[in-house]
């Protein structure tokens, strides 16, 4: 008697509710989620690209293995202002999830406007347009302090080679004399994580404290430091109503390359538009489950920067907000996808969201 070689066909609908669901495809080897990259970032203009996200559930960990799977991804993009790039990365967990590794690499060219690059206070609202030709890599390792503990310690190493080229007429003295920059920096990390899911959390807290120290002795162009504190949390207020909040504080020392100075990161706010020696921001989000797998999202945020020049201090702030929609494309992974439309003074932007807007693997 011959054995049957027929394979079970892939399902793209959940047999329980009949809705579109890609879990069956993602669970299979070489199955991946194709992610169209729709670029509407005001800082670089409209653009497009394509990425692929490969999810590898850690089946031995049970439900936890789907809530925190191993992830690999790669992609490329280009925008109307000439920016382009390609990237690849992997985030995996080992030894019953206690050891976590992250590696990634990226190369490309980004055309951006930077504010407050000069030495005078009058330059705070003046922009300089630079083209950043870059290539870089990151490697990180985290160790969970005890089984099932929310605490972990780690080390991240960043290497980047950046060649800035001024694209606009110099508005400030010596603005064009920007030498090639090399960043070689270890970063110490302390992490706390009680999220119920890394993609679309409904409860829990994630916090990370990181301290980067670039040193000439390690190959960096200059010595500088950068401290960042991120905290975010989610709370289910009632059935189908979830509240989220994210806070971010970043400080950089003298000597930090102008393209690495802290800037306000909020939906609807152009990247690099509000830079300073210090930056603080907060964003809140409400998510309401609607019919079936659909959800509606409303969000708003506030951020400010502080820059010290000799004996004078300058501050800038901005608010933003918007609406979004989500669809739960994989119930088993807890993965939502959707769109956000965000607004800040003088700017409107659209974002494609995979998981959540504050995603951290």
Protein backbone atom coordinates (compact mmCIF):
# COMPACT_ATOMS: atom_id res chain seq x y z
CA UNK A 1 0.00 0.00 0.00
CA UNK A 2 1.37 3.40 -0.96
CA UNK A 3 1.32 6.24 1.53
CA UNK A 4 -0.37 9.43 0.54
CA UNK A 5 1.97 12.36 -0.23
CA UNK A 6 -0.86 14.87 -0.34
CA UNK A 7 -0.19 17.96 1.77
CA UNK A 8 -2.75 19.89 3.73
CA UNK A 9 -3.54 23.07 1.80
CA UNK A 10 -2.76 26.38 3.46
CA UNK A 11 -5.69 28.21 4.99
CA UNK A 12 -6.03 31.98 4.84
CA UNK A 13 -9.27 32.05 6.83
CA UNK A 14 -9.81 31.14 10.46
CA UNK A 15 -12.05 28.05 10.63
CA UNK A 16 -13.69 29.38 13.79
CA UNK A 17 -14.90 32.79 12.61
CA UNK A 18 -14.34 32.55 8.85
CA UNK A 19 -12.32 35.79 8.80
CA UNK A 20 -9.07 36.39 6.90
CA UNK A 21 -6.18 35.09 9.02
CA UNK A 22 -2.59 34.36 7.93
CA UNK A 23 -1.49 32.29 10.97
CA UNK A 24 -1.44 29.00 9.07
CA UNK A 25 0.85 30.49 6.41
CA UNK A 26 3.18 32.21 8.91
CA UNK A 27 3.63 29.01 10.92
CA UNK A 28 5.01 27.12 7.93
CA UNK A 29 8.72 27.20 7.03
CA UNK A 30 9.47 30.05 4.64
CA UNK A 31 6.08 31.56 5.31
CA UNK A 32 6.32 35.33 5.71
CA UNK A 33 4.18 38.42 6.00
CA UNK A 34 4.75 40.73 3.01
CA UNK A 35 4.66 44.32 4.23
CA UNK A 36 4.27 47.10 1.70
CA UNK A 37 6.32 50.10 2.84
CA UNK A 38 4.24 53.21 2.28
CA UNK A 39 6.40 56.21 3.05
CA UNK A 40 4.59 59.43 3.89
CA UNK A 41 7.15 60.64 6.42
CA UNK A 42 7.08 64.43 5.98
CA UNK A 43 10.86 64.62 6.38
CA UNK A 44 11.60 62.55 3.25
CA UNK A 45 8.40 62.85 1.20
CA UNK A 46 6.33 60.13 -0.42
CA UNK A 47 7.88 56.80 -1.25
CA UNK A 48 7.42 53.05 -1.33
CA UNK A 49 9.16 49.78 -0.74
CA UNK A 50 8.61 46.20 0.32
CA UNK A 51 9.60 44.20 3.40
CA UNK A 52 9.15 40.61 4.43
CA UNK A 53 8.69 39.54 8.07
CA UNK A 54 9.38 35.89 8.90
CA UNK A 55 7.88 34.64 12.20
CA UNK A 56 9.17 31.44 13.80
CA UNK A 57 7.03 30.45 16.81
CA UNK A 58 8.90 28.77 19.65
CA UNK A 59 6.49 25.85 19.88
CA UNK A 60 8.20 24.37 22.95
CA UNK A 61 7.21 27.52 24.90
CA UNK A 62 3.48 27.06 24.32
CA UNK A 63 1.38 30.22 23.94
CA UNK A 64 4.40 32.30 24.98
CA UNK A 65 6.17 31.05 21.84
CA UNK A 66 3.55 32.73 19.66
CA UNK A 67 3.33 35.88 21.77
CA UNK A 68 7.15 36.22 21.56
CA UNK A 69 8.33 34.37 18.43
CA UNK A 70 11.67 34.59 16.71
CA UNK A 71 11.53 37.24 13.98
CA UNK A 72 13.56 37.86 10.83
CA UNK A 73 13.02 40.56 8.26
CA UNK A 74 14.46 42.29 5.22
CA UNK A 75 13.35 45.04 2.90
CA UNK A 76 14.14 48.07 0.77
CA UNK A 77 12.56 51.47 0.11
CA UNK A 78 12.96 54.69 -1.88
CA UNK A 79 11.31 58.12 -1.62
CA UNK A 80 10.64 61.08 -3.87
CA UNK A 81 13.42 63.23 -2.36
CA UNK A 82 16.08 60.68 -3.34
CA UNK A 83 16.30 58.79 -0.04
CA UNK A 84 16.75 55.04 -0.37
CA UNK A 85 17.85 52.14 1.74
CA UNK A 86 17.95 48.39 2.30
CA UNK A 87 17.95 46.52 5.61
CA UNK A 88 17.92 43.06 7.17
CA UNK A 89 17.68 41.84 10.75
CA UNK A 90 16.87 39.04 13.16
CA UNK A 91 15.59 38.91 16.76
CA UNK A 92 15.70 35.45 18.35
CA UNK A 93 15.34 33.86 21.78
CA UNK A 94 17.37 30.94 23.11
CA UNK A 95 17.70 28.81 26.25
CA UNK A 96 13.99 28.74 27.11
CA UNK A 97 13.70 32.39 26.18
CA UNK A 98 16.22 33.70 28.74
CA UNK A 99 18.83 34.65 26.14
CA UNK A 100 17.78 37.12 23.44
CA UNK A 101 19.85 38.20 20.47
CA UNK A 102 19.33 40.92 17.90
CA UNK A 103 21.42 41.58 14.81
CA UNK A 104 20.80 43.94 11.93
CA UNK A 105 22.42 45.83 9.08
CA UNK A 106 21.36 48.74 6.87
CA UNK A 107 22.78 50.76 4.01
CA UNK A 108 21.52 53.64 1.92
CA UNK A 109 21.21 57.38 1.56
CA UNK A 110 18.85 59.64 3.49
CA UNK A 111 18.13 63.26 2.54
CA UNK A 112 16.99 65.21 5.58
CA UNK A 113 16.67 68.74 6.93
CA UNK A 114 18.36 69.39 10.27
CA UNK A 115 17.59 72.25 12.63
CA UNK A 116 19.82 73.88 15.22
CA UNK A 117 23.04 72.57 13.67
CA UNK A 118 24.94 75.88 13.89
CA UNK A 119 26.54 77.50 16.87
CA UNK A 120 24.24 80.50 17.25
CA UNK A 121 20.81 80.67 18.86
CA UNK A 122 19.47 82.21 15.65
CA UNK A 123 20.08 78.85 13.96
CA UNK A 124 17.52 76.98 16.09
CA UNK A 125 14.77 77.53 13.50
CA UNK A 126 17.06 77.56 10.45
CA UNK A 127 17.37 74.35 8.49
CA UNK A 128 20.31 72.81 6.70
CA UNK A 129 19.68 70.09 4.10
CA UNK A 130 22.08 67.17 4.23
CA UNK A 131 22.45 63.94 2.33
CA UNK A 132 23.65 61.15 4.63
CA UNK A 133 25.30 58.26 2.80
CA UNK A 134 25.53 55.51 5.40
CA UNK A 135 26.13 51.87 6.20
CA UNK A 136 25.93 50.31 9.61
CA UNK A 137 25.29 47.29 11.78
CA UNK A 138 23.98 46.53 15.25
CA UNK A 139 24.39 43.50 17.51
CA UNK A 140 22.68 43.05 20.87
CA UNK A 141 22.47 40.38 23.55
CA UNK A 142 20.09 40.36 26.55
CA UNK A 143 20.01 37.98 29.50
CA UNK A 144 16.89 37.45 31.63
CA UNK A 145 17.96 37.64 35.27
CA UNK A 146 15.79 34.69 36.35
CA UNK A 147 13.30 32.35 34.67
CA UNK A 148 10.03 34.22 34.06
CA UNK A 149 11.57 37.42 35.46
CA UNK A 150 10.56 40.69 33.74
CA UNK A 151 14.09 42.05 34.25
CA UNK A 152 16.94 41.62 31.79
CA UNK A 153 20.38 43.17 31.30
CA UNK A 154 22.19 43.46 28.02
CA UNK A 155 24.78 45.03 25.79
CA UNK A 156 24.31 46.56 22.34
CA UNK A 157 27.07 47.46 19.93
CA UNK A 158 26.51 49.93 17.10
CA UNK A 159 28.86 50.61 14.22
CA UNK A 160 28.06 53.09 11.47
CA UNK A 161 29.94 54.92 8.76
CA UNK A 162 28.18 58.13 7.70
CA UNK A 163 29.25 60.56 4.97
CA UNK A 164 27.26 63.81 5.28
CA UNK A 165 27.02 66.09 2.22
CA UNK A 166 25.47 69.54 2.42
CA UNK A 167 22.68 69.89 -0.18
CA UNK A 168 21.70 73.51 0.52
CA UNK A 169 23.53 76.82 0.52
CA UNK A 170 25.32 77.23 3.86
CA UNK A 171 23.35 79.54 6.14
CA UNK A 172 25.80 79.32 9.03
CA UNK A 173 29.56 79.73 9.31
CA UNK A 174 31.52 76.53 8.66
CA UNK A 175 28.33 74.53 8.12
CA UNK A 176 29.73 72.81 5.05
CA UNK A 177 32.88 71.51 6.74
CA UNK A 178 31.35 68.23 7.89
CA UNK A 179 33.85 65.38 7.87
CA UNK A 180 32.96 61.75 7.43
CA UNK A 181 31.69 60.35 10.73
CA UNK A 182 32.33 56.92 12.19
CA UNK A 183 30.29 55.73 15.15
CA UNK A 184 31.62 52.82 17.21
CA UNK A 185 29.70 52.56 20.45
CA UNK A 186 28.81 49.95 23.07
CA UNK A 187 25.51 50.51 24.90
CA UNK A 188 24.55 49.16 28.32
CA UNK A 189 20.87 48.13 28.62
CA UNK A 190 18.47 47.49 31.48
CA UNK A 191 15.06 46.15 30.42
CA UNK A 192 11.72 45.45 32.10
CA UNK A 193 8.99 43.61 30.15
CA UNK A 194 5.60 42.29 31.29
CA UNK A 195 3.71 42.70 27.98
CA UNK A 196 1.26 39.92 27.18
CA UNK A 197 2.25 40.14 23.50
CA UNK A 198 5.04 41.95 21.64
CA UNK A 199 2.95 42.76 18.55
CA UNK A 200 -0.33 44.21 19.82
CA UNK A 201 -0.26 44.25 23.63
CA UNK A 202 -3.44 44.53 25.68
CA UNK A 203 -1.72 44.69 29.08
CA UNK A 204 1.71 45.01 30.63
CA UNK A 205 4.69 47.38 30.70
CA UNK A 206 7.87 47.66 28.67
CA UNK A 207 10.74 49.89 29.81
CA UNK A 208 14.31 50.23 28.63
CA UNK A 209 17.19 52.29 29.97
CA UNK A 210 20.17 52.54 27.63
CA UNK A 211 23.49 54.35 27.93
CA UNK A 212 25.65 54.65 24.80
CA UNK A 213 29.32 55.62 25.01
CA UNK A 214 31.16 56.22 21.73
CA UNK A 215 34.95 56.28 22.07
CA UNK A 216 37.79 57.15 19.72
CA UNK A 217 39.71 54.22 21.22
CA UNK A 218 37.07 51.91 19.69
CA UNK A 219 37.19 53.56 16.28
CA UNK A 220 34.64 56.34 16.71
CA UNK A 221 35.35 59.76 15.19
CA UNK A 222 34.57 61.50 18.49
CA UNK A 223 33.86 60.73 22.12
CA UNK A 224 30.21 61.28 23.06
CA UNK A 225 27.44 59.81 25.23
CA UNK A 226 23.72 59.30 24.79
CA UNK A 227 21.21 58.30 27.48
CA UNK A 228 17.68 57.17 26.65
CA UNK A 229 14.77 56.11 28.85
CA UNK A 230 11.71 54.58 27.20
CA UNK A 231 8.60 53.42 29.09
CA UNK A 232 5.31 52.23 27.64
CA UNK A 233 2.32 50.41 29.03
CA UNK A 234 -1.11 49.05 28.16
CA UNK A 235 -4.21 48.58 30.31
CA UNK A 236 -7.52 46.94 29.41
CA UNK A 237 -10.13 49.28 30.86
CA UNK A 238 -13.13 47.16 29.86
CA UNK A 239 -14.01 44.55 27.28
CA UNK A 240 -12.66 45.84 23.99
CA UNK A 241 -11.25 49.14 25.37
CA UNK A 242 -7.48 49.35 25.74
CA UNK A 243 -5.45 52.37 26.86
CA UNK A 244 -1.76 52.73 26.00
CA UNK A 245 0.88 55.32 26.85
CA UNK A 246 4.51 55.86 25.88
CA UNK A 247 7.08 58.17 27.44
CA UNK A 248 10.54 58.92 26.06
CA UNK A 249 13.46 60.94 27.42
CA UNK A 250 16.80 61.29 25.61
CA UNK A 251 19.96 63.24 26.48
CA UNK A 252 23.12 63.63 24.42
CA UNK A 253 26.50 65.06 25.37
CA UNK A 254 28.63 67.64 23.65
CA UNK A 255 30.32 66.15 20.59
CA UNK A 256 27.30 64.08 19.53
CA UNK A 257 27.06 64.06 15.69
CA UNK A 258 24.29 66.40 14.54
CA UNK A 259 22.29 63.54 12.99
CA UNK A 260 22.28 61.63 16.31
CA UNK A 261 21.07 64.49 18.51
CA UNK A 262 17.72 63.70 20.21
CA UNK A 263 14.59 64.65 18.27
CA UNK A 264 10.87 64.44 18.95
CA UNK A 265 9.40 61.16 17.67
CA UNK A 266 5.62 61.44 17.47
CA UNK A 267 3.21 60.36 14.76
CA UNK A 268 2.59 63.34 12.50
CA UNK A 269 5.80 65.20 13.45
CA UNK A 270 8.55 65.29 10.78
CA UNK A 271 11.67 63.40 11.80
CA UNK A 272 14.55 65.67 12.90
CA UNK A 273 12.33 68.78 12.83
CA UNK A 274 12.61 69.35 16.60
CA UNK A 275 16.12 68.54 17.83
CA UNK A 276 17.95 69.46 21.00
CA UNK A 277 20.51 68.38 23.56
CA UNK A 278 17.59 66.87 25.48
CA UNK A 279 14.19 65.61 24.36
CA UNK A 280 11.11 64.44 26.25
CA UNK A 281 7.81 63.26 24.80
CA UNK A 282 4.63 61.44 25.77
CA UNK A 283 1.99 59.85 23.58
CA UNK A 284 -1.29 58.21 24.61
CA UNK A 285 -3.48 55.91 22.56
CA UNK A 286 -6.96 54.49 22.97
CA UNK A 287 -7.96 51.34 21.10
CA UNK A 288 -11.59 50.22 20.78
CA UNK A 289 -12.56 46.80 19.47
CA UNK A 290 -15.31 47.18 16.87
CA UNK A 291 -17.12 44.56 14.81
CA UNK A 292 -15.30 41.25 14.42
CA UNK A 293 -11.53 41.71 14.16
CA UNK A 294 -11.62 45.45 13.51
CA UNK A 295 -10.50 48.14 15.93
CA UNK A 296 -10.44 51.93 15.94
CA UNK A 297 -7.56 53.95 17.36
CA UNK A 298 -7.30 57.54 18.60
CA UNK A 299 -4.00 59.01 19.75
CA UNK A 300 -2.31 62.24 20.76
CA UNK A 301 1.11 63.36 21.91
CA UNK A 302 3.28 66.18 23.17
CA UNK A 303 7.05 66.63 22.96
CA UNK A 304 9.66 69.23 23.80
CA UNK A 305 13.38 69.82 23.32
CA UNK A 306 15.97 71.80 25.26
CA UNK A 307 19.18 73.22 23.83
CA UNK A 308 21.88 74.99 25.81
CA UNK A 309 24.22 77.41 24.05
CA UNK A 310 26.81 79.08 26.28
CA UNK A 311 24.72 80.90 28.92
CA UNK A 312 21.41 80.75 27.04
CA UNK A 313 18.79 78.00 26.86
CA UNK A 314 16.30 77.48 24.03
CA UNK A 315 13.24 75.22 24.11
CA UNK A 316 10.85 74.01 21.42
CA UNK A 317 7.66 71.98 21.72
CA UNK A 318 4.95 70.47 19.51
CA UNK A 319 1.67 68.55 19.79
CA UNK A 320 0.21 65.94 17.45
CA UNK A 321 -2.75 63.60 17.19
CA UNK A 322 -4.79 61.44 14.88
CA UNK A 323 -6.99 58.46 14.16
CA UNK A 324 -6.36 54.94 12.95
CA UNK A 325 -7.89 51.60 12.09
CA UNK A 326 -6.63 48.06 12.82
CA UNK A 327 -7.40 44.52 11.65
CA UNK A 328 -6.32 41.44 13.60
CA UNK A 329 -4.64 39.48 10.82
CA UNK A 330 -3.39 36.67 13.08
CA UNK A 331 -5.22 35.78 16.28
CA UNK A 332 -2.67 33.20 17.36
CA UNK A 333 0.27 35.62 17.08
CA UNK A 334 -1.86 38.52 18.35
CA UNK A 335 -0.85 40.55 15.29
CA UNK A 336 -2.79 43.61 14.10
CA UNK A 337 -2.14 45.64 10.96
CA UNK A 338 -3.63 48.99 10.02
CA UNK A 339 -3.27 52.64 9.06
CA UNK A 340 -2.88 55.84 11.09
CA UNK A 341 -3.52 59.38 9.90
CA UNK A 342 -1.65 61.89 12.09
CA UNK A 343 -1.56 65.67 12.24
CA UNK A 344 0.80 68.24 13.76
CA UNK A 345 1.02 71.99 13.02
CA UNK A 346 1.52 72.29 9.27
CA UNK A 347 1.92 68.55 8.67
CA UNK A 348 -0.33 65.57 7.87
CA UNK A 349 1.10 62.06 7.51
CA UNK A 350 -0.17 58.50 6.96
CA UNK A 351 1.52 55.48 8.57
CA UNK A 352 1.23 51.77 7.85
CA UNK A 353 1.26 50.00 11.23
CA UNK A 354 2.26 46.37 11.76
CA UNK A 355 1.68 45.26 15.35
CA UNK A 356 1.66 48.58 17.19
CA UNK A 357 3.23 51.99 16.62
CA UNK A 358 5.67 51.48 19.53
CA UNK A 359 6.81 47.99 18.49
CA UNK A 360 9.86 46.56 20.29
CA UNK A 361 10.75 42.88 19.63
